[in-house]
Amino acid sequence: MIKPTGSQSTFALYEYVNPDALEDIIEVCASKKSDVEVRFTVEGYLVSVRSDNTIPIYEPPGAHCDISENPCPVS
């Protein structure tokens, strides 16, 4: 596991989702030439596992927002 820097977080994905089941879903869809994306949240982060072998992780809304200076717009 790579140590996070600054305000990054670290977590073990297997504590939140069954990796074998997730892999099965992705493999079945890939074998059928079907694109799939499985999304779930972990500690407020949105994790997407895609059949093209990418796993983008999105920060929670307002993660870099300092409301004391300038409130972030609500999306």
Protein backbone atom coordinates (compact mmCIF):
# COMPACT_ATOMS: atom_id res chain seq x y z
CA MET A 1 0.00 0.00 0.00
CA ILE A 2 1.30 3.43 -0.92
CA LYS A 3 1.31 5.94 1.91
CA PRO A 4 -0.89 8.96 1.23
CA THR A 5 0.52 12.48 1.17
CA GLY A 6 -1.02 15.61 2.60
CA SER A 7 -4.80 15.36 2.94
CA GLN A 8 -5.07 12.03 1.11
CA SER A 9 -6.85 9.12 2.75
CA THR A 10 -5.96 5.46 2.88
CA PHE A 11 -8.35 2.53 3.13
CA ALA A 12 -8.48 -1.15 2.26
CA LEU A 13 -11.14 -1.70 -0.39
CA TYR A 14 -11.85 -5.26 0.79
CA GLU A 15 -13.16 -3.84 4.07
CA TYR A 16 -16.04 -2.24 2.15
CA VAL A 17 -16.77 -4.53 -0.78
CA ASN A 18 -16.25 -8.19 -1.65
CA PRO A 19 -13.42 -8.01 -4.21
CA ASP A 20 -14.16 -11.50 -5.60
CA ALA A 21 -17.80 -10.61 -6.28
CA LEU A 22 -16.78 -7.31 -7.83
CA GLU A 23 -14.25 -9.05 -10.07
CA ASP A 24 -16.88 -11.62 -11.11
CA ILE A 25 -19.28 -8.85 -12.17
CA ILE A 26 -16.61 -7.08 -14.19
CA GLU A 27 -15.32 -10.28 -15.83
CA VAL A 28 -18.78 -11.53 -16.84
CA CYS A 29 -19.63 -8.21 -18.45
CA ALA A 30 -16.25 -8.00 -20.18
CA SER A 31 -16.65 -11.52 -21.56
CA LYS A 32 -19.98 -10.47 -23.07
CA LYS A 33 -18.32 -7.36 -24.54
CA SER A 34 -20.58 -5.29 -22.35
CA ASP A 35 -19.37 -2.13 -20.62
CA VAL A 36 -20.17 -1.92 -16.94
CA GLU A 37 -19.41 0.46 -14.11
CA VAL A 38 -19.99 -0.45 -10.47
CA ARG A 39 -20.17 2.54 -8.11
CA PHE A 40 -20.11 2.70 -4.35
CA THR A 41 -18.96 5.07 -1.64
CA VAL A 42 -16.11 4.51 0.78
CA GLU A 43 -15.56 7.03 3.56
CA GLY A 44 -17.40 9.65 1.51
CA TYR A 45 -15.40 9.00 -1.69
CA LEU A 46 -17.16 7.76 -4.83
CA VAL A 47 -15.36 4.71 -6.21
CA SER A 48 -16.13 3.50 -9.73
CA VAL A 49 -14.86 0.16 -10.97
CA ARG A 50 -15.14 -0.10 -14.74
CA SER A 51 -14.91 -3.01 -17.14
CA ASP A 52 -12.09 -1.22 -18.99
CA ASN A 53 -9.89 -1.85 -15.91
CA THR A 54 -10.00 1.72 -14.63
CA ILE A 55 -10.93 2.66 -11.07
CA PRO A 56 -11.47 6.40 -10.69
CA ILE A 57 -11.96 7.67 -7.15
CA TYR A 58 -13.74 10.99 -6.72
CA GLU A 59 -13.40 13.24 -3.70
CA PRO A 60 -16.46 14.14 -1.66
CA PRO A 61 -18.16 17.38 -2.76
CA GLY A 62 -16.58 20.39 -1.04
CA ALA A 63 -13.47 18.47 0.03
CA HIS A 64 -11.21 21.45 -0.76
CA CYS A 65 -13.67 24.10 0.29
CA ASP A 66 -12.97 26.61 3.06
CA ILE A 67 -16.40 28.00 3.93
CA SER A 68 -14.92 30.58 6.30
CA GLU A 69 -13.48 32.53 3.34
CA ASN A 70 -15.74 31.78 0.40
CA PRO A 71 -18.66 29.34 0.56
CA CYS A 72 -18.67 26.70 -2.14
CA PRO A 73 -21.66 26.69 -4.45
CA VAL A 74 -24.08 23.85 -3.97
CA SER A 75 -24.17 21.53 -6.94
